[in-house]
Amino acid sequence: MELDRDEVAKIANRLKRAQGQLAGVIRMLDEGRDCEELVTQLSAVSRALDRAGFAIIATGMRQCLVRPEGAADDEATALDVQKLEKLFLSLA
């Protein structure tokens, strides 16, 4: 499955922000910051990663739920749905 370039750019930006947040958490840890602050920031990083994952799956669903080119029946589509469902549940 190949994702739309515009969607990929948005997801990449989201992941870069999460990467910056994670670097901040590591810095806070090195500085000996308060546990509550660390957990709050780590939770924000986790949510950002989850959102990126869901965005990838949602983009894939929009593209793959349309009958694949050359598919003779609905079997190919059903397999894509099963794969996407498995990916979705892996983030839950």
N, C-alpha and C. Protein backbone atom coordinates (compact mmCIF):
# COMPACT_ATOMS: atom_id res chain seq x y z
N MET A 1 0.86 -1.17 0.00
CA MET A 1 0.00 0.00 0.00
C MET A 1 0.90 1.23 0.00
N GLU A 2 0.66 2.12 -0.92
CA GLU A 2 1.42 3.36 -1.00
C GLU A 2 0.51 4.51 -0.56
N LEU A 3 0.98 5.32 0.35
CA LEU A 3 0.18 6.40 0.91
C LEU A 3 0.31 7.67 0.09
N ASP A 4 -0.72 8.48 0.15
CA ASP A 4 -0.75 9.77 -0.52
C ASP A 4 0.39 10.66 0.00
N ARG A 5 1.12 11.31 -0.91
CA ARG A 5 2.29 12.12 -0.52
C ARG A 5 1.93 13.25 0.44
N ASP A 6 0.79 13.90 0.22
CA ASP A 6 0.39 15.00 1.12
C ASP A 6 0.12 14.47 2.52
N GLU A 7 -0.52 13.32 2.60
CA GLU A 7 -0.80 12.72 3.91
C GLU A 7 0.49 12.29 4.58
N VAL A 8 1.41 11.73 3.80
CA VAL A 8 2.70 11.30 4.35
C VAL A 8 3.44 12.49 4.94
N ALA A 9 3.41 13.63 4.26
CA ALA A 9 4.10 14.84 4.75
C ALA A 9 3.51 15.28 6.09
N LYS A 10 2.18 15.24 6.20
CA LYS A 10 1.53 15.62 7.46
C LYS A 10 1.92 14.66 8.59
N ILE A 11 1.93 13.38 8.28
CA ILE A 11 2.28 12.37 9.29
C ILE A 11 3.74 12.52 9.69
N ALA A 12 4.61 12.76 8.71
CA ALA A 12 6.04 12.95 9.02
C ALA A 12 6.24 14.16 9.93
N ASN A 13 5.51 15.23 9.67
CA ASN A 13 5.61 16.41 10.55
C ASN A 13 5.16 16.08 11.96
N ARG A 14 4.09 15.32 12.08
CA ARG A 14 3.60 14.91 13.40
C ARG A 14 4.66 14.08 14.13
N LEU A 15 5.30 13.17 13.41
CA LEU A 15 6.33 12.33 14.01
C LEU A 15 7.57 13.14 14.39
N LYS A 16 7.91 14.13 13.60
CA LYS A 16 9.05 15.00 13.94
C LYS A 16 8.77 15.79 15.21
N ARG A 17 7.52 16.25 15.36
CA ARG A 17 7.16 16.95 16.61
C ARG A 17 7.26 16.00 17.79
N ALA A 18 6.79 14.76 17.61
CA ALA A 18 6.87 13.76 18.68
C ALA A 18 8.34 13.47 19.02
N GLN A 19 9.18 13.43 18.00
CA GLN A 19 10.60 13.21 18.22
C GLN A 19 11.20 14.33 19.08
N GLY A 20 10.80 15.56 18.79
CA GLY A 20 11.25 16.69 19.60
C GLY A 20 10.74 16.61 21.02
N GLN A 21 9.49 16.20 21.17
CA GLN A 21 8.93 16.03 22.52
C GLN A 21 9.70 14.96 23.29
N LEU A 22 10.01 13.86 22.62
CA LEU A 22 10.74 12.78 23.28
C LEU A 22 12.13 13.24 23.70
N ALA A 23 12.79 14.01 22.85
CA ALA A 23 14.10 14.57 23.21
C ALA A 23 13.96 15.44 24.46
N GLY A 24 12.87 16.18 24.53
CA GLY A 24 12.62 17.00 25.72
C GLY A 24 12.43 16.16 26.96
N VAL A 25 11.75 15.04 26.84
CA VAL A 25 11.55 14.15 27.99
C VAL A 25 12.89 13.59 28.45
N ILE A 26 13.73 13.19 27.52
CA ILE A 26 15.04 12.66 27.88
C ILE A 26 15.87 13.73 28.59
N ARG A 27 15.81 14.94 28.06
CA ARG A 27 16.53 16.06 28.69
C ARG A 27 16.01 16.29 30.12
N MET A 28 14.68 16.25 30.27
CA MET A 28 14.09 16.44 31.60
C MET A 28 14.56 15.35 32.56
N LEU A 29 14.64 14.13 32.06
CA LEU A 29 15.09 13.00 32.87
C LEU A 29 16.54 13.21 33.32
N ASP A 30 17.37 13.63 32.37
CA ASP A 30 18.79 13.89 32.68
C ASP A 30 18.94 15.02 33.70
N GLU A 31 18.03 15.98 33.65
CA GLU A 31 18.09 17.12 34.57
C GLU A 31 17.49 16.80 35.94
N GLY A 32 16.91 15.61 36.07
CA GLY A 32 16.33 15.22 37.34
C GLY A 32 15.01 15.91 37.64
N ARG A 33 14.26 16.21 36.60
CA ARG A 33 12.98 16.91 36.78
C ARG A 33 11.98 16.04 37.51
N ASP A 34 10.93 16.67 37.98
CA ASP A 34 9.87 16.05 38.75
C ASP A 34 9.21 14.91 37.98
N CYS A 35 8.92 13.83 38.68
CA CYS A 35 8.30 12.64 38.10
C CYS A 35 6.98 12.97 37.41
N GLU A 36 6.17 13.79 38.04
CA GLU A 36 4.86 14.14 37.47
C GLU A 36 5.03 14.86 36.12
N GLU A 37 5.98 15.78 36.04
CA GLU A 37 6.24 16.48 34.78
C GLU A 37 6.70 15.50 33.69
N LEU A 38 7.58 14.58 34.07
CA LEU A 38 8.08 13.59 33.11
C LEU A 38 6.95 12.73 32.56
N VAL A 39 6.12 12.24 33.45
CA VAL A 39 5.02 11.37 33.02
C VAL A 39 4.05 12.13 32.15
N THR A 40 3.77 13.38 32.48
CA THR A 40 2.86 14.20 31.67
C THR A 40 3.41 14.38 30.26
N GLN A 41 4.70 14.70 30.15
CA GLN A 41 5.31 14.89 28.83
C GLN A 41 5.42 13.58 28.07
N LEU A 42 5.73 12.50 28.76
CA LEU A 42 5.82 11.20 28.12
C LEU A 42 4.45 10.76 27.59
N SER A 43 3.42 11.08 28.33
CA SER A 43 2.06 10.80 27.89
C SER A 43 1.73 11.57 26.61
N ALA A 44 2.18 12.81 26.53
CA ALA A 44 1.96 13.62 25.32
C ALA A 44 2.68 13.00 24.12
N VAL A 45 3.89 12.50 24.34
CA VAL A 45 4.63 11.84 23.26
C VAL A 45 3.88 10.60 22.79
N SER A 46 3.40 9.83 23.75
CA SER A 46 2.66 8.61 23.42
C SER A 46 1.42 8.92 22.60
N ARG A 47 0.68 9.94 22.99
CA ARG A 47 -0.52 10.33 22.24
C ARG A 47 -0.16 10.77 20.82
N ALA A 48 0.94 11.51 20.69
CA ALA A 48 1.37 11.97 19.37
C ALA A 48 1.71 10.78 18.47
N LEU A 49 2.39 9.79 19.02
CA LEU A 49 2.72 8.60 18.24
C LEU A 49 1.47 7.82 17.86
N ASP A 50 0.55 7.69 18.81
CA ASP A 50 -0.72 7.00 18.51
C ASP A 50 -1.47 7.71 17.39
N ARG A 51 -1.52 9.02 17.46
CA ARG A 51 -2.23 9.78 16.43
C ARG A 51 -1.58 9.60 15.06
N ALA A 52 -0.26 9.55 15.03
CA ALA A 52 0.44 9.32 13.77
C ALA A 52 0.09 7.93 13.22
N GLY A 53 0.07 6.95 14.09
CA GLY A 53 -0.29 5.59 13.67
C GLY A 53 -1.71 5.53 13.14
N PHE A 54 -2.63 6.17 13.86
CA PHE A 54 -4.02 6.18 13.40
C PHE A 54 -4.16 6.93 12.08
N ALA A 55 -3.38 7.98 11.89
CA ALA A 55 -3.43 8.73 10.63
C ALA A 55 -2.95 7.86 9.47
N ILE A 56 -1.92 7.07 9.71
CA ILE A 56 -1.43 6.17 8.67
C ILE A 56 -2.50 5.14 8.31
N ILE A 57 -3.12 4.58 9.32
CA ILE A 57 -4.15 3.57 9.07
C ILE A 57 -5.36 4.19 8.38
N ALA A 58 -5.77 5.37 8.82
CA ALA A 58 -6.93 6.03 8.20
C ALA A 58 -6.66 6.33 6.74
N THR A 59 -5.45 6.78 6.44
CA THR A 59 -5.09 7.05 5.05
C THR A 59 -5.12 5.76 4.25
N GLY A 60 -4.59 4.70 4.82
CA GLY A 60 -4.61 3.41 4.15
C GLY A 60 -6.01 2.90 3.93
N MET A 61 -6.88 3.12 4.89
CA MET A 61 -8.27 2.68 4.76
C MET A 61 -8.94 3.40 3.60
N ARG A 62 -8.71 4.70 3.50
CA ARG A 62 -9.31 5.46 2.40
C ARG A 62 -8.84 4.93 1.06
N GLN A 63 -7.59 4.53 0.98
CA GLN A 63 -7.04 4.07 -0.29
C GLN A 63 -7.35 2.60 -0.57
N CYS A 64 -7.35 1.77 0.46
CA CYS A 64 -7.46 0.32 0.24
C CYS A 64 -8.90 -0.20 0.25
N LEU A 65 -9.81 0.55 0.81
CA LEU A 65 -11.18 0.06 0.84
C LEU A 65 -11.87 0.22 -0.50
N VAL A 66 -11.27 0.98 -1.38
CA VAL A 66 -11.74 1.04 -2.75
C VAL A 66 -11.23 -0.23 -3.42
N ARG A 67 -12.05 -0.82 -4.27
CA ARG A 67 -11.66 -2.07 -4.92
C ARG A 67 -10.28 -1.92 -5.58
N PRO A 68 -9.31 -2.76 -5.21
CA PRO A 68 -7.98 -2.67 -5.79
C PRO A 68 -8.02 -2.88 -7.30
N GLU A 69 -7.13 -2.20 -7.99
CA GLU A 69 -7.07 -2.32 -9.44
C GLU A 69 -6.84 -3.77 -9.83
N GLY A 70 -7.62 -4.25 -10.78
CA GLY A 70 -7.46 -5.60 -11.29
C GLY A 70 -8.07 -6.68 -10.43
N ALA A 71 -8.72 -6.32 -9.33
CA ALA A 71 -9.32 -7.34 -8.46
C ALA A 71 -10.54 -7.95 -9.13
N ALA A 72 -10.59 -9.27 -9.16
CA ALA A 72 -11.69 -9.97 -9.83
C ALA A 72 -12.92 -10.04 -8.95
N ASP A 73 -12.74 -10.04 -7.65
CA ASP A 73 -13.87 -10.12 -6.73
C ASP A 73 -13.55 -9.34 -5.46
N ASP A 74 -14.40 -9.49 -4.45
CA ASP A 74 -14.20 -8.74 -3.20
C ASP A 74 -13.17 -9.37 -2.27
N GLU A 75 -12.62 -10.51 -2.65
CA GLU A 75 -11.67 -11.18 -1.77
C GLU A 75 -10.44 -10.32 -1.48
N ALA A 76 -9.88 -9.68 -2.50
CA ALA A 76 -8.69 -8.84 -2.30
C ALA A 76 -9.00 -7.69 -1.36
N THR A 77 -10.18 -7.09 -1.52
CA THR A 77 -10.58 -5.99 -0.63
C THR A 77 -10.74 -6.49 0.79
N ALA A 78 -11.36 -7.67 0.98
CA ALA A 78 -11.56 -8.22 2.32
C ALA A 78 -10.22 -8.46 3.00
N LEU A 79 -9.23 -8.93 2.26
CA LEU A 79 -7.91 -9.15 2.85
C LEU A 79 -7.30 -7.83 3.30
N ASP A 80 -7.45 -6.79 2.49
CA ASP A 80 -6.91 -5.49 2.88
C ASP A 80 -7.59 -4.98 4.14
N VAL A 81 -8.90 -5.18 4.24
CA VAL A 81 -9.64 -4.76 5.42
C VAL A 81 -9.13 -5.51 6.64
N GLN A 82 -8.89 -6.80 6.51
CA GLN A 82 -8.38 -7.59 7.63
C GLN A 82 -6.99 -7.10 8.06
N LYS A 83 -6.15 -6.80 7.10
CA LYS A 83 -4.82 -6.29 7.44
C LYS A 83 -4.91 -4.94 8.15
N LEU A 84 -5.76 -4.07 7.64
CA LEU A 84 -5.91 -2.76 8.26
C LEU A 84 -6.51 -2.87 9.66
N GLU A 85 -7.45 -3.78 9.84
CA GLU A 85 -8.03 -3.98 11.16
C GLU A 85 -6.96 -4.47 12.14
N LYS A 86 -6.13 -5.38 11.70
CA LYS A 86 -5.05 -5.88 12.56
C LYS A 86 -4.11 -4.75 12.94
N LEU A 87 -3.75 -3.90 11.97
CA LEU A 87 -2.89 -2.77 12.27
C LEU A 87 -3.54 -1.81 13.25
N PHE A 88 -4.81 -1.54 13.02
CA PHE A 88 -5.56 -0.63 13.90
C PHE A 88 -5.55 -1.16 15.33
N LEU A 89 -5.84 -2.44 15.48
CA LEU A 89 -5.90 -3.03 16.82
C LEU A 89 -4.53 -3.08 17.49
N SER A 90 -3.46 -3.12 16.69
CA SER A 90 -2.12 -3.13 17.28
C SER A 90 -1.82 -1.82 18.01
N LEU A 91 -2.53 -0.75 17.66
CA LEU A 91 -2.33 0.54 18.32
C LEU A 91 -3.22 0.70 19.56
N ALA A 92 -4.21 -0.15 19.68
CA ALA A 92 -5.17 -0.02 20.78
C ALA A 92 -4.58 -0.45 22.10
